[in-house]
Amino acid sequence: MLKQNPAEVIRQVLEVDGPVSVTAHGQPTGVVMVADRPAPQRWVPTDRLKTIPPLPKEEAERWQEELRRSREYEFGRDLWGDE
């Protein structure tokens, strides 16, 4: 499968959290593939989310205000027009 469809093999290696043994016709080849970095994940496991400390209240309020102001700036005027 590696020769015929390398993209699929790479995708599978990235999905596995550990080494993947390469086989030829079901027999081990002695070659092991390991991803050098984790694949991008669409979802974050709950256990990892629980380890993220919450923002201090003041910092969260500052961030909310910054987001509000950026939305006003982006949608309130023409960014490429003359000021």
Protein backbone atom coordinates (compact mmCIF):
# COMPACT_ATOMS: atom_id res chain seq x y z
CA MET A 1 0.00 0.00 0.00
CA LEU A 2 2.92 2.35 0.64
CA LYS A 3 3.98 2.23 -2.99
CA GLN A 4 0.46 2.51 -4.41
CA ASN A 5 -0.99 5.02 -1.98
CA PRO A 6 1.65 6.80 0.13
CA ALA A 7 -0.70 9.62 1.17
CA GLU A 8 -3.05 7.14 2.83
CA VAL A 9 -0.19 5.42 4.66
CA ILE A 10 1.14 8.76 5.89
CA ARG A 11 -2.36 9.72 7.07
CA GLN A 12 -2.62 6.46 9.03
CA VAL A 13 0.84 6.94 10.59
CA LEU A 14 -0.14 10.44 11.70
CA GLU A 15 -3.36 9.15 13.26
CA VAL A 16 -1.60 6.48 15.32
CA ASP A 17 0.00 7.61 18.55
CA GLY A 18 3.17 5.55 18.21
CA PRO A 19 5.29 3.58 15.74
CA VAL A 20 3.75 1.69 12.79
CA SER A 21 5.42 -1.45 11.43
CA VAL A 22 5.62 -1.67 7.64
CA THR A 23 4.71 -5.04 6.15
CA ALA A 24 4.95 -6.52 2.66
CA HIS A 25 2.23 -9.03 1.81
CA GLY A 26 1.44 -9.30 5.53
CA GLN A 27 5.04 -10.04 6.52
CA PRO A 28 7.08 -7.60 8.63
CA THR A 29 9.85 -5.81 6.75
CA GLY A 30 11.77 -4.58 9.77
CA VAL A 31 10.87 -0.99 8.90
CA VAL A 32 9.01 1.16 11.41
CA MET A 33 7.42 4.52 10.60
CA VAL A 34 6.99 7.15 13.31
CA ALA A 35 5.47 10.61 12.87
CA ASP A 36 7.95 13.35 13.81
CA ARG A 37 5.08 15.53 15.04
CA PRO A 38 1.46 14.86 15.94
CA ALA A 39 -1.16 15.23 13.27
CA PRO A 40 -3.46 18.25 13.49
CA GLN A 41 -6.47 17.31 15.55
CA ARG A 42 -9.94 18.60 14.97
CA TRP A 43 -10.99 17.85 18.54
CA VAL A 44 -9.08 18.27 21.77
CA PRO A 45 -9.56 15.41 24.25
CA THR A 46 -11.41 16.39 27.42
CA ASP A 47 -8.49 15.30 29.58
CA ARG A 48 -6.25 17.85 27.82
CA LEU A 49 -8.85 20.60 28.15
CA LYS A 50 -9.01 20.04 31.89
CA THR A 51 -5.29 20.83 32.19
CA ILE A 52 -5.63 24.31 30.66
CA PRO A 53 -5.78 26.87 33.47
CA PRO A 54 -8.55 29.47 33.19
CA LEU A 55 -7.68 33.07 32.40
CA PRO A 56 -7.74 35.50 35.29
CA LYS A 57 -10.97 37.54 35.27
CA GLU A 58 -9.22 40.81 34.38
CA GLU A 59 -7.38 39.24 31.45
CA ALA A 60 -10.59 37.60 30.15
CA GLU A 61 -12.43 40.93 30.32
CA ARG A 62 -9.55 42.68 28.51
CA TRP A 63 -9.61 40.01 25.80
CA GLN A 64 -13.40 40.33 25.36
CA GLU A 65 -13.05 44.10 25.00
CA GLU A 66 -10.26 43.67 22.45
CA LEU A 67 -12.43 41.28 20.41
CA ARG A 68 -15.36 43.70 20.55
CA ARG A 69 -13.19 46.59 19.35
CA SER A 70 -11.65 44.50 16.56
CA ARG A 71 -15.11 43.56 15.27
CA GLU A 72 -16.17 47.20 15.23
CA TYR A 73 -13.00 48.08 13.35
CA GLU A 74 -13.34 45.27 10.81
CA PHE A 75 -17.03 45.71 10.07
CA GLY A 76 -17.48 49.38 10.85
CA ARG A 77 -15.41 50.83 8.04
CA ASP A 78 -13.64 50.07 4.78
CA LEU A 79 -10.19 48.79 5.65
CA TRP A 80 -8.80 49.68 2.22
CA GLY A 81 -10.53 53.02 1.88
CA ASP A 82 -9.13 56.44 2.75
CA GLU A 83 -9.39 57.39 6.40
